């Protein structure tokens, strides 16, 4: 689940792609996940680095033609900020992705 600016960014991306008649075929694979830090101060926050592989993912139009740019990275890292505004009351129920940024680091091995 997402919240904050991450939720807005995802909603805008999906709306734009749907308006353009695009949809995803295939699944993103998570190759590696590293918890970089955790703070239980209010709001509870964790930074998580995720190495992903989209080599089996295509974005296609209504005719089935690919809309993926030829220079797209197939494997890369994104650092996600995950927060829980309800940590004191419901520590297991409220974690949401609240931000994310691609990282410039050596990619992990593809799946």
PDB file of N, CA and C in Angstrom:
ATOM      1  N   UNK A   1       0.843  -1.164   0.000  1.00  0.00           N
ATOM      2  CA  UNK A   1       0.000   0.000   0.000  1.00  0.00           C
ATOM      3  C   UNK A   1       0.893   1.234   0.000  1.00  0.00           C
ATOM      4  N   UNK A   2       0.358   2.290  -0.521  1.00  0.00           N
ATOM      5  CA  UNK A   2       1.104   3.540  -0.588  1.00  0.00           C
ATOM      6  C   UNK A   2       0.312   4.648   0.093  1.00  0.00           C
ATOM      7  N   UNK A   3       1.015   5.705   0.445  1.00  0.00           N
ATOM      8  CA  UNK A   3       0.379   6.879   1.027  1.00  0.00           C
ATOM      9  C   UNK A   3       1.172   8.099   0.594  1.00  0.00           C
ATOM     10  N   UNK A   4       0.656   9.250   0.942  1.00  0.00           N
ATOM     11  CA  UNK A   4       1.380  10.492   0.755  1.00  0.00           C
ATOM     12  C   UNK A   4       1.742  10.715  -0.720  1.00  0.00           C
ATOM     13  N   UNK A   5       2.929  11.264  -0.960  1.00  0.00           N
ATOM     14  CA  UNK A   5       3.340  11.588  -2.330  1.00  0.00           C
ATOM     15  C   UNK A   5       3.509  10.342  -3.186  1.00  0.00           C
ATOM     16  N   UNK A   6       3.889   9.218  -2.572  1.00  0.00           N
ATOM     17  CA  UNK A   6       4.055   7.980  -3.334  1.00  0.00           C
ATOM     18  C   UNK A   6       2.713   7.514  -3.888  1.00  0.00           C
ATOM     19  N   UNK A   7       1.662   7.612  -3.092  1.00  0.00           N
ATOM     20  CA  UNK A   7       0.325   7.231  -3.551  1.00  0.00           C
ATOM     21  C   UNK A   7      -0.105   8.124  -4.706  1.00  0.00           C
ATOM     22  N   UNK A   8       0.092   9.429  -4.563  1.00  0.00           N
ATOM     23  CA  UNK A   8      -0.281  10.366  -5.623  1.00  0.00           C
ATOM     24  C   UNK A   8       0.493  10.078  -6.905  1.00  0.00           C
ATOM     25  N   UNK A   9       1.789   9.818  -6.784  1.00  0.00           N
ATOM     26  CA  UNK A   9       2.608   9.521  -7.966  1.00  0.00           C
ATOM     27  C   UNK A   9       2.114   8.262  -8.666  1.00  0.00           C
ATOM     28  N   UNK A  10       1.811   7.217  -7.913  1.00  0.00           N
ATOM     29  CA  UNK A  10       1.327   5.969  -8.508  1.00  0.00           C
ATOM     30  C   UNK A  10      -0.036   6.166  -9.167  1.00  0.00           C
ATOM     31  N   UNK A  11      -0.930   6.900  -8.504  1.00  0.00           N
ATOM     32  CA  UNK A  11      -2.253   7.157  -9.082  1.00  0.00           C
ATOM     33  C   UNK A  11      -2.134   7.939 -10.385  1.00  0.00           C
ATOM     34  N   UNK A  12      -1.273   8.955 -10.408  1.00  0.00           N
ATOM     35  CA  UNK A  12      -1.095   9.759 -11.620  1.00  0.00           C
ATOM     36  C   UNK A  12      -0.508   8.932 -12.757  1.00  0.00           C
ATOM     37  N   UNK A  13       0.482   8.089 -12.455  1.00  0.00           N
ATOM     38  CA  UNK A  13       1.082   7.238 -13.479  1.00  0.00           C
ATOM     39  C   UNK A  13       0.047   6.279 -14.060  1.00  0.00           C
ATOM     40  N   UNK A  14      -0.695   5.603 -13.193  1.00  0.00           N
ATOM     41  CA  UNK A  14      -1.690   4.640 -13.672  1.00  0.00           C
ATOM     42  C   UNK A  14      -2.789   5.314 -14.483  1.00  0.00           C
ATOM     43  N   UNK A  15      -3.252   6.488 -14.034  1.00  0.00           N
ATOM     44  CA  UNK A  15      -4.293   7.206 -14.780  1.00  0.00           C
ATOM     45  C   UNK A  15      -3.781   7.601 -16.158  1.00  0.00           C
ATOM     46  N   UNK A  16      -2.553   8.110 -16.221  1.00  0.00           N
ATOM     47  CA  UNK A  16      -1.967   8.513 -17.497  1.00  0.00           C
ATOM     48  C   UNK A  16      -1.844   7.322 -18.441  1.00  0.00           C
ATOM     49  N   UNK A  17      -1.369   6.187 -17.924  1.00  0.00           N
ATOM     50  CA  UNK A  17      -1.221   5.006 -18.774  1.00  0.00           C
ATOM     51  C   UNK A  17      -2.580   4.486 -19.239  1.00  0.00           C
ATOM     52  N   UNK A  18      -3.560   4.474 -18.365  1.00  0.00           N
ATOM     53  CA  UNK A  18      -4.900   4.023 -18.765  1.00  0.00           C
ATOM     54  C   UNK A  18      -5.498   4.961 -19.807  1.00  0.00           C
ATOM     55  N   UNK A  19      -5.328   6.271 -19.592  1.00  0.00           N
ATOM     56  CA  UNK A  19      -5.833   7.246 -20.562  1.00  0.00           C
ATOM     57  C   UNK A  19      -5.196   7.040 -21.932  1.00  0.00           C
ATOM     58  N   UNK A  20      -3.948   6.576 -21.951  1.00  0.00           N
ATOM     59  CA  UNK A  20      -3.236   6.319 -23.204  1.00  0.00           C
ATOM     60  C   UNK A  20      -3.492   4.913 -23.744  1.00  0.00           C
ATOM     61  N   UNK A  21      -4.351   4.141 -23.058  1.00  0.00           N
ATOM     62  CA  UNK A  21      -4.676   2.790 -23.510  1.00  0.00           C
ATOM     63  C   UNK A  21      -3.575   1.774 -23.256  1.00  0.00           C
ATOM     64  N   UNK A  22      -2.708   2.057 -22.297  1.00  0.00           N
ATOM     65  CA  UNK A  22      -1.579   1.175 -22.011  1.00  0.00           C
ATOM     66  C   UNK A  22      -1.879   0.266 -20.821  1.00  0.00           C
ATOM     67  N   UNK A  23      -1.264  -0.910 -20.837  1.00  0.00           N
ATOM     68  CA  UNK A  23      -1.347  -1.794 -19.678  1.00  0.00           C
ATOM     69  C   UNK A  23      -0.083  -2.650 -19.595  1.00  0.00           C
ATOM     70  N   UNK A  24       0.159  -3.169 -18.406  1.00  0.00           N
ATOM     71  CA  UNK A  24       1.366  -3.960 -18.149  1.00  0.00           C
ATOM     72  C   UNK A  24       1.117  -5.432 -18.402  1.00  0.00           C
ATOM     73  N   UNK A  25       2.111  -6.056 -19.020  1.00  0.00           N
ATOM     74  CA  UNK A  25       2.123  -7.502 -19.223  1.00  0.00           C
ATOM     75  C   UNK A  25       3.388  -8.021 -18.546  1.00  0.00           C
ATOM     76  N   UNK A  26       3.266  -9.019 -17.697  1.00  0.00           N
ATOM     77  CA  UNK A  26       4.416  -9.567 -16.981  1.00  0.00           C
ATOM     78  C   UNK A  26       4.542  -8.977 -15.595  1.00  0.00           C
ATOM     79  N   UNK A  27       5.437  -9.567 -14.825  1.00  0.00           N
ATOM     80  CA  UNK A  27       5.597  -9.190 -13.425  1.00  0.00           C
ATOM     81  C   UNK A  27       6.995  -8.673 -13.138  1.00  0.00           C
ATOM     82  N   UNK A  28       7.055  -7.657 -12.279  1.00  0.00           N
ATOM     83  CA  UNK A  28       8.323  -7.183 -11.749  1.00  0.00           C
ATOM     84  C   UNK A  28       8.802  -8.182 -10.703  1.00  0.00           C
ATOM     85  N   UNK A  29      10.071  -8.537 -10.773  1.00  0.00           N
ATOM     86  CA  UNK A  29      10.660  -9.451  -9.794  1.00  0.00           C
ATOM     87  C   UNK A  29      11.498  -8.655  -8.798  1.00  0.00           C
ATOM     88  N   UNK A  30      11.341  -8.948  -7.520  1.00  0.00           N
ATOM     89  CA  UNK A  30      12.205  -8.374  -6.495  1.00  0.00           C
ATOM     90  C   UNK A  30      13.358  -9.345  -6.295  1.00  0.00           C
ATOM     91  N   UNK A  31      14.566  -8.869  -6.584  1.00  0.00           N
ATOM     92  CA  UNK A  31      15.755  -9.707  -6.547  1.00  0.00           C
ATOM     93  C   UNK A  31      16.409  -9.667  -5.173  1.00  0.00           C
ATOM     94  N   UNK A  32      16.430  -8.483  -4.593  1.00  0.00           N
ATOM     95  CA  UNK A  32      17.088  -8.311  -3.303  1.00  0.00           C
ATOM     96  C   UNK A  32      16.384  -7.191  -2.557  1.00  0.00           C
ATOM     97  N   UNK A  33      16.337  -7.312  -1.242  1.00  0.00           N
ATOM     98  CA  UNK A  33      15.701  -6.311  -0.397  1.00  0.00           C
ATOM     99  C   UNK A  33      16.584  -6.124   0.831  1.00  0.00           C
ATOM    100  N   UNK A  34      16.925  -4.868   1.125  1.00  0.00           N
ATOM    101  CA  UNK A  34      17.781  -4.566   2.275  1.00  0.00           C
ATOM    102  C   UNK A  34      17.119  -3.495   3.123  1.00  0.00           C
ATOM    103  N   UNK A  35      16.892  -3.794   4.402  1.00  0.00           N
ATOM    104  CA  UNK A  35      16.395  -2.783   5.336  1.00  0.00           C
ATOM    105  C   UNK A  35      17.604  -1.956   5.755  1.00  0.00           C
ATOM    106  N   UNK A  36      17.605  -0.677   5.383  1.00  0.00           N
ATOM    107  CA  UNK A  36      18.743   0.196   5.659  1.00  0.00           C
ATOM    108  C   UNK A  36      18.657   0.838   7.035  1.00  0.00           C
ATOM    109  N   UNK A  37      17.442   1.183   7.477  1.00  0.00           N
ATOM    110  CA  UNK A  37      17.291   1.784   8.802  1.00  0.00           C
ATOM    111  C   UNK A  37      15.839   1.687   9.246  1.00  0.00           C
ATOM    112  N   UNK A  38      15.657   1.719  10.575  1.00  0.00           N
ATOM    113  CA  UNK A  38      14.319   1.714  11.167  1.00  0.00           C
ATOM    114  C   UNK A  38      14.332   2.670  12.345  1.00  0.00           C
ATOM    115  N   UNK A  39      13.326   3.527  12.418  1.00  0.00           N
ATOM    116  CA  UNK A  39      13.125   4.407  13.563  1.00  0.00           C
ATOM    117  C   UNK A  39      11.684   4.232  14.017  1.00  0.00           C
ATOM    118  N   UNK A  40      11.485   3.983  15.303  1.00  0.00           N
ATOM    119  CA  UNK A  40      10.127   3.811  15.822  1.00  0.00           C
ATOM    120  C   UNK A  40       9.582   5.090  16.432  1.00  0.00           C
ATOM    121  N   UNK A  41      10.302   6.214  16.236  1.00  0.00           N
ATOM    122  CA  UNK A  41       9.762   7.511  16.637  1.00  0.00           C
ATOM    123  C   UNK A  41       8.527   7.799  15.804  1.00  0.00           C
ATOM    124  N   UNK A  42       7.695   8.732  16.272  1.00  0.00           N
ATOM    125  CA  UNK A  42       6.453   9.043  15.573  1.00  0.00           C
ATOM    126  C   UNK A  42       6.722  10.017  14.431  1.00  0.00           C
ATOM    127  N   UNK A  43       6.435   9.675  13.178  1.00  0.00           N
ATOM    128  CA  UNK A  43       5.906   8.391  12.742  1.00  0.00           C
ATOM    129  C   UNK A  43       7.030   7.357  12.603  1.00  0.00           C
ATOM    130  N   UNK A  44       6.709   6.108  12.867  1.00  0.00           N
ATOM    131  CA  UNK A  44       7.671   5.027  12.667  1.00  0.00           C
ATOM    132  C   UNK A  44       8.048   4.999  11.187  1.00  0.00           C
ATOM    133  N   UNK A  45       9.345   4.884  10.912  1.00  0.00           N
ATOM    134  CA  UNK A  45       9.833   4.978   9.532  1.00  0.00           C
ATOM    135  C   UNK A  45      10.933   3.948   9.283  1.00  0.00           C
ATOM    136  N   UNK A  46      10.889   3.341   8.114  1.00  0.00           N
ATOM    137  CA  UNK A  46      11.948   2.433   7.683  1.00  0.00           C
ATOM    138  C   UNK A  46      12.383   2.835   6.280  1.00  0.00           C
ATOM    139  N   UNK A  47      13.674   2.705   6.014  1.00  0.00           N
ATOM    140  CA  UNK A  47      14.210   2.889   4.666  1.00  0.00           C
ATOM    141  C   UNK A  47      14.590   1.515   4.150  1.00  0.00           C
ATOM    142  N   UNK A  48      14.045   1.157   2.991  1.00  0.00           N
ATOM    143  CA  UNK A  48      14.249  -0.172   2.425  1.00  0.00           C
ATOM    144  C   UNK A  48      14.737  -0.034   0.988  1.00  0.00           C
ATOM    145  N   UNK A  49      15.890  -0.626   0.701  1.00  0.00           N
ATOM    146  CA  UNK A  49      16.422  -0.639  -0.663  1.00  0.00           C
ATOM    147  C   UNK A  49      15.963  -1.921  -1.348  1.00  0.00           C
ATOM    148  N   UNK A  50      15.380  -1.761  -2.530  1.00  0.00           N
ATOM    149  CA  UNK A  50      14.849  -2.897  -3.286  1.00  0.00           C
ATOM    150  C   UNK A  50      15.539  -2.948  -4.645  1.00  0.00           C
ATOM    151  N   UNK A  51      16.109  -4.104  -4.958  1.00  0.00           N
ATOM    152  CA  UNK A  51      16.641  -4.325  -6.299  1.00  0.00           C
ATOM    153  C   UNK A  51      15.574  -5.072  -7.094  1.00  0.00           C
ATOM    154  N   UNK A  52      15.184  -4.509  -8.222  1.00  0.00           N
ATOM    155  CA  UNK A  52      14.084  -5.038  -9.029  1.00  0.00           C
ATOM    156  C   UNK A  52      14.573  -5.409 -10.421  1.00  0.00           C
ATOM    157  N   UNK A  53      13.806  -6.289 -11.050  1.00  0.00           N
ATOM    158  CA  UNK A  53      14.106  -6.763 -12.406  1.00  0.00           C
ATOM    159  C   UNK A  53      12.809  -6.699 -13.212  1.00  0.00           C
ATOM    160  N   UNK A  54      12.797  -5.880 -14.261  1.00  0.00           N
ATOM    161  CA  UNK A  54      11.613  -5.744 -15.116  1.00  0.00           C
ATOM    162  C   UNK A  54      11.850  -6.332 -16.508  1.00  0.00           C
ATOM    163  N   UNK A  55      12.826  -7.239 -16.618  1.00  0.00           N
ATOM    164  CA  UNK A  55      13.142  -7.799 -17.933  1.00  0.00           C
ATOM    165  C   UNK A  55      11.981  -8.604 -18.515  1.00  0.00           C
ATOM    166  N   UNK A  56      11.071  -9.100 -17.680  1.00  0.00           N
ATOM    167  CA  UNK A  56       9.898  -9.839 -18.165  1.00  0.00           C
ATOM    168  C   UNK A  56       8.639  -8.978 -18.210  1.00  0.00           C
ATOM    169  N   UNK A  57       8.802  -7.654 -18.101  1.00  0.00           N
ATOM    170  CA  UNK A  57       7.665  -6.736 -18.081  1.00  0.00           C
ATOM    171  C   UNK A  57       7.627  -5.939 -19.377  1.00  0.00           C
ATOM    172  N   UNK A  58       6.436  -5.818 -19.943  1.00  0.00           N
ATOM    173  CA  UNK A  58       6.232  -4.964 -21.110  1.00  0.00           C
ATOM    174  C   UNK A  58       5.025  -4.079 -20.829  1.00  0.00           C
ATOM    175  N   UNK A  59       5.048  -2.879 -21.357  1.00  0.00           N
ATOM    176  CA  UNK A  59       3.896  -1.979 -21.333  1.00  0.00           C
ATOM    177  C   UNK A  59       3.414  -1.913 -22.773  1.00  0.00           C
ATOM    178  N   UNK A  60       2.164  -2.326 -22.999  1.00  0.00           N
ATOM    179  CA  UNK A  60       1.660  -2.425 -24.367  1.00  0.00           C
ATOM    180  C   UNK A  60       0.425  -1.565 -24.550  1.00  0.00           C
ATOM    181  N   UNK A  61       0.195  -1.169 -25.805  1.00  0.00           N
ATOM    182  CA  UNK A  61      -1.000  -0.405 -26.139  1.00  0.00           C
ATOM    183  C   UNK A  61      -2.132  -1.363 -26.505  1.00  0.00           C
ATOM    184  N   UNK A  62      -3.251  -0.810 -26.933  1.00  0.00           N
ATOM    185  CA  UNK A  62      -4.440  -1.616 -27.233  1.00  0.00           C
ATOM    186  C   UNK A  62      -4.197  -2.621 -28.354  1.00  0.00           C
ATOM    187  N   UNK A  63      -3.255  -2.324 -29.249  1.00  0.00           N
ATOM    188  CA  UNK A  63      -2.939  -3.238 -30.345  1.00  0.00           C
ATOM    189  C   UNK A  63      -1.892  -4.280 -29.949  1.00  0.00           C
ATOM    190  N   UNK A  64      -1.366  -4.180 -28.738  1.00  0.00           N
ATOM    191  CA  UNK A  64      -0.349  -5.119 -28.289  1.00  0.00           C
ATOM    192  C   UNK A  64       1.070  -4.696 -28.606  1.00  0.00           C
ATOM    193  N   UNK A  65       1.241  -3.467 -29.116  1.00  0.00           N
ATOM    194  CA  UNK A  65       2.580  -2.970 -29.434  1.00  0.00           C
ATOM    195  C   UNK A  65       3.246  -2.410 -28.181  1.00  0.00           C
ATOM    196  N   UNK A  66       4.520  -2.693 -28.028  1.00  0.00           N
ATOM    197  CA  UNK A  66       5.261  -2.249 -26.853  1.00  0.00           C
ATOM    198  C   UNK A  66       5.434  -0.734 -26.849  1.00  0.00           C
ATOM    199  N   UNK A  67       5.285  -0.141 -25.662  1.00  0.00           N
ATOM    200  CA  UNK A  67       5.514   1.289 -25.480  1.00  0.00           C
ATOM    201  C   UNK A  67       6.752   1.536 -24.620  1.00  0.00           C
ATOM    202  N   UNK A  68       7.527   0.490 -24.369  1.00  0.00           N
ATOM    203  CA  UNK A  68       8.713   0.595 -23.521  1.00  0.00           C
ATOM    204  C   UNK A  68       9.863   1.200 -24.321  1.00  0.00           C
ATOM    205  N   UNK A  69      10.508   2.196 -23.728  1.00  0.00           N
ATOM    206  CA  UNK A  69      11.660   2.829 -24.373  1.00  0.00           C
ATOM    207  C   UNK A  69      12.818   1.838 -24.450  1.00  0.00           C
ATOM    208  N   UNK A  70      13.538   1.859 -25.555  1.00  0.00           N
ATOM    209  CA  UNK A  70      14.642   0.908 -25.751  1.00  0.00           C
ATOM    210  C   UNK A  70      15.750   1.092 -24.716  1.00  0.00           C
ATOM    211  N   UNK A  71      15.858   2.283 -24.138  1.00  0.00           N
ATOM    212  CA  UNK A  71      16.916   2.546 -23.157  1.00  0.00           C
ATOM    213  C   UNK A  71      16.487   2.255 -21.716  1.00  0.00           C
ATOM    214  N   UNK A  72      15.324   1.665 -21.516  1.00  0.00           N
ATOM    215  CA  UNK A  72      14.848   1.354 -20.161  1.00  0.00           C
ATOM    216  C   UNK A  72      15.835   0.432 -19.445  1.00  0.00           C
ATOM    217  N   UNK A  73      16.085   0.728 -18.182  1.00  0.00           N
ATOM    218  CA  UNK A  73      16.905  -0.155 -17.358  1.00  0.00           C
ATOM    219  C   UNK A  73      16.088  -1.390 -17.014  1.00  0.00           C
ATOM    220  N   UNK A  74      16.680  -2.556 -17.168  1.00  0.00           N
ATOM    221  CA  UNK A  74      15.996  -3.817 -16.857  1.00  0.00           C
ATOM    222  C   UNK A  74      16.120  -4.179 -15.380  1.00  0.00           C
ATOM    223  N   UNK A  75      17.217  -3.756 -14.761  1.00  0.00           N
ATOM    224  CA  UNK A  75      17.489  -4.067 -13.357  1.00  0.00           C
ATOM    225  C   UNK A  75      17.968  -2.793 -12.681  1.00  0.00           C
ATOM    226  N   UNK A  76      17.507  -2.536 -11.463  1.00  0.00           N
ATOM    227  CA  UNK A  76      17.948  -1.344 -10.750  1.00  0.00           C
ATOM    228  C   UNK A  76      17.525  -1.370  -9.291  1.00  0.00           C
ATOM    229  N   UNK A  77      17.913  -0.321  -8.584  1.00  0.00           N
ATOM    230  CA  UNK A  77      17.613  -0.182  -7.160  1.00  0.00           C
ATOM    231  C   UNK A  77      16.700   1.012  -6.929  1.00  0.00           C
ATOM    232  N   UNK A  78      15.754   0.861  -6.007  1.00  0.00           N
ATOM    233  CA  UNK A  78      14.920   1.961  -5.533  1.00  0.00           C
ATOM    234  C   UNK A  78      14.934   1.934  -4.012  1.00  0.00           C
ATOM    235  N   UNK A  79      15.104   3.105  -3.388  1.00  0.00           N
ATOM    236  CA  UNK A  79      14.997   3.220  -1.930  1.00  0.00           C
ATOM    237  C   UNK A  79      13.591   3.707  -1.605  1.00  0.00           C
ATOM    238  N   UNK A  80      12.876   2.895  -0.836  1.00  0.00           N
ATOM    239  CA  UNK A  80      11.522   3.237  -0.411  1.00  0.00           C
ATOM    240  C   UNK A  80      11.530   3.695   1.038  1.00  0.00           C
ATOM    241  N   UNK A  81      10.749   4.732   1.310  1.00  0.00           N
ATOM    242  CA  UNK A  81      10.471   5.156   2.674  1.00  0.00           C
ATOM    243  C   UNK A  81       9.125   4.563   3.041  1.00  0.00           C
ATOM    244  N   UNK A  82       9.098   3.821   4.144  1.00  0.00           N
ATOM    245  CA  UNK A  82       7.882   3.154   4.595  1.00  0.00           C
ATOM    246  C   UNK A  82       7.564   3.710   5.977  1.00  0.00           C
ATOM    247  N   UNK A  83       6.342   4.214   6.159  1.00  0.00           N
ATOM    248  CA  UNK A  83       5.976   4.833   7.430  1.00  0.00           C
ATOM    249  C   UNK A  83       4.733   4.180   8.021  1.00  0.00           C
ATOM    250  N   UNK A  84       4.625   4.320   9.339  1.00  0.00           N
ATOM    251  CA  UNK A  84       3.454   3.817  10.061  1.00  0.00           C
ATOM    252  C   UNK A  84       3.018   4.886  11.050  1.00  0.00           C
ATOM    253  N   UNK A  85       2.009   5.663  10.666  1.00  0.00           N
ATOM    254  CA  UNK A  85       1.482   6.722  11.526  1.00  0.00           C
ATOM    255  C   UNK A  85       0.705   6.161  12.707  1.00  0.00           C
ATOM    256  N   UNK A  86       0.377   4.878  12.670  1.00  0.00           N
ATOM    257  CA  UNK A  86      -0.435   4.257  13.717  1.00  0.00           C
ATOM    258  C   UNK A  86       0.388   3.292  14.572  1.00  0.00           C
ATOM    259  N   UNK A  87       1.705   3.464  14.605  1.00  0.00           N
ATOM    260  CA  UNK A  87       2.582   2.519  15.288  1.00  0.00           C
ATOM    261  C   UNK A  87       2.161   2.271  16.732  1.00  0.00           C
ATOM    262  N   UNK A  88       1.839   3.332  17.479  1.00  0.00           N
ATOM    263  CA  UNK A  88       1.483   3.173  18.893  1.00  0.00           C
ATOM    264  C   UNK A  88       0.225   2.336  19.075  1.00  0.00           C
ATOM    265  N   UNK A  89      -0.766   2.505  18.203  1.00  0.00           N
ATOM    266  CA  UNK A  89      -2.054   1.819  18.359  1.00  0.00           C
ATOM    267  C   UNK A  89      -2.136   0.497  17.597  1.00  0.00           C
ATOM    268  N   UNK A  90      -1.541   0.434  16.418  1.00  0.00           N
ATOM    269  CA  UNK A  90      -1.671  -0.764  15.567  1.00  0.00           C
ATOM    270  C   UNK A  90      -0.362  -1.011  14.828  1.00  0.00           C
ATOM    271  N   UNK A  91       0.662  -1.510  15.519  1.00  0.00           N
ATOM    272  CA  UNK A  91       1.983  -1.627  14.893  1.00  0.00           C
ATOM    273  C   UNK A  91       2.044  -2.532  13.675  1.00  0.00           C
ATOM    274  N   UNK A  92       1.132  -3.464  13.543  1.00  0.00           N
ATOM    275  CA  UNK A  92       1.183  -4.393  12.413  1.00  0.00           C
ATOM    276  C   UNK A  92       0.287  -3.988  11.251  1.00  0.00           C
ATOM    277  N   UNK A  93      -0.547  -2.976  11.439  1.00  0.00           N
ATOM    278  CA  UNK A  93      -1.574  -2.676  10.439  1.00  0.00           C
ATOM    279  C   UNK A  93      -1.340  -1.432   9.597  1.00  0.00           C
ATOM    280  N   UNK A  94      -0.404  -0.589   9.948  1.00  0.00           N
ATOM    281  CA  UNK A  94      -0.388   0.714   9.308  1.00  0.00           C
ATOM    282  C   UNK A  94       0.803   1.062   8.447  1.00  0.00           C
ATOM    283  N   UNK A  95       1.646   0.100   8.060  1.00  0.00           N
ATOM    284  CA  UNK A  95       2.825   0.431   7.258  1.00  0.00           C
ATOM    285  C   UNK A  95       2.427   0.745   5.816  1.00  0.00           C
ATOM    286  N   UNK A  96       2.919   1.883   5.304  1.00  0.00           N
ATOM    287  CA  UNK A  96       2.612   2.328   3.943  1.00  0.00           C
ATOM    288  C   UNK A  96       3.873   2.884   3.290  1.00  0.00           C
ATOM    289  N   UNK A  97       4.021   2.638   1.996  1.00  0.00           N
ATOM    290  CA  UNK A  97       5.115   3.252   1.237  1.00  0.00           C
ATOM    291  C   UNK A  97       4.758   4.721   1.066  1.00  0.00           C
ATOM    292  N   UNK A  98       5.601   5.600   1.605  1.00  0.00           N
ATOM    293  CA  UNK A  98       5.310   7.031   1.548  1.00  0.00           C
ATOM    294  C   UNK A  98       6.248   7.786   0.620  1.00  0.00           C
ATOM    295  N   UNK A  99       7.275   7.139   0.121  1.00  0.00           N
ATOM    296  CA  UNK A  99       8.192   7.796  -0.800  1.00  0.00           C
ATOM    297  C   UNK A  99       9.115   6.782  -1.449  1.00  0.00           C
ATOM    298  N   UNK A 100       9.734   7.204  -2.526  1.00  0.00           N
ATOM    299  CA  UNK A 100      10.666   6.318  -3.216  1.00  0.00           C
ATOM    300  C   UNK A 100      11.542   7.109  -4.162  1.00  0.00           C
ATOM    301  N   UNK A 101      12.775   6.657  -4.305  1.00  0.00           N
ATOM    302  CA  UNK A 101      13.703   7.307  -5.233  1.00  0.00           C
ATOM    303  C   UNK A 101      14.656   6.257  -5.787  1.00  0.00           C
ATOM    304  N   UNK A 102      14.887   6.311  -7.097  1.00  0.00           N
ATOM    305  CA  UNK A 102      15.842   5.394  -7.708  1.00  0.00           C
ATOM    306  C   UNK A 102      17.244   5.721  -7.214  1.00  0.00           C
ATOM    307  N   UNK A 103      18.048   4.686  -7.049  1.00  0.00           N
ATOM    308  CA  UNK A 103      19.414   4.837  -6.561  1.00  0.00           C
ATOM    309  C   UNK A 103      20.403   4.582  -7.690  1.00  0.00           C
ATOM    310  N   UNK A 104      21.493   5.312  -7.655  1.00  0.00           N
ATOM    311  CA  UNK A 104      22.583   5.094  -8.603  1.00  0.00           C
ATOM    312  C   UNK A 104      23.594   4.182  -7.930  1.00  0.00           C
ATOM    313  N   UNK A 105      23.396   2.884  -8.063  1.00  0.00           N
ATOM    314  CA  UNK A 105      24.344   1.924  -7.511  1.00  0.00           C
ATOM    315  C   UNK A 105      24.379   0.703  -8.402  1.00  0.00           C
ATOM    316  N   UNK A 106      25.397  -0.095  -8.226  1.00  0.00           N
ATOM    317  CA  UNK A 106      25.588  -1.283  -9.049  1.00  0.00           C
ATOM    318  C   UNK A 106      24.358  -2.181  -8.954  1.00  0.00           C
ATOM    319  N   UNK A 107      23.779  -2.577 -10.099  1.00  0.00           N
ATOM    320  CA  UNK A 107      22.590  -3.432 -10.036  1.00  0.00           C
ATOM    321  C   UNK A 107      22.917  -4.809  -9.474  1.00  0.00           C
ATOM    322  N   UNK A 108      21.919  -5.417  -8.874  1.00  0.00           N
ATOM    323  CA  UNK A 108      22.076  -6.786  -8.392  1.00  0.00           C
ATOM    324  C   UNK A 108      21.976  -7.729  -9.592  1.00  0.00           C
ATOM    325  N   UNK A 109      22.226  -8.996  -9.352  1.00  0.00           N
ATOM    326  CA  UNK A 109      22.123  -9.987 -10.423  1.00  0.00           C
ATOM    327  C   UNK A 109      20.666 -10.182 -10.802  1.00  0.00           C
ATOM    328  N   UNK A 110      20.375 -10.193 -12.086  1.00  0.00           N
ATOM    329  CA  UNK A 110      18.999 -10.380 -12.559  1.00  0.00           C
ATOM    330  C   UNK A 110      18.526 -11.785 -12.239  1.00  0.00           C
ATOM    331  N   UNK A 111      17.204 -11.931 -12.165  1.00  0.00           N
ATOM    332  CA  UNK A 111      16.633 -13.252 -11.847  1.00  0.00           C
ATOM    333  C   UNK A 111      16.721 -14.182 -13.032  1.00  0.00           C
TER     334      UNK A 111
END
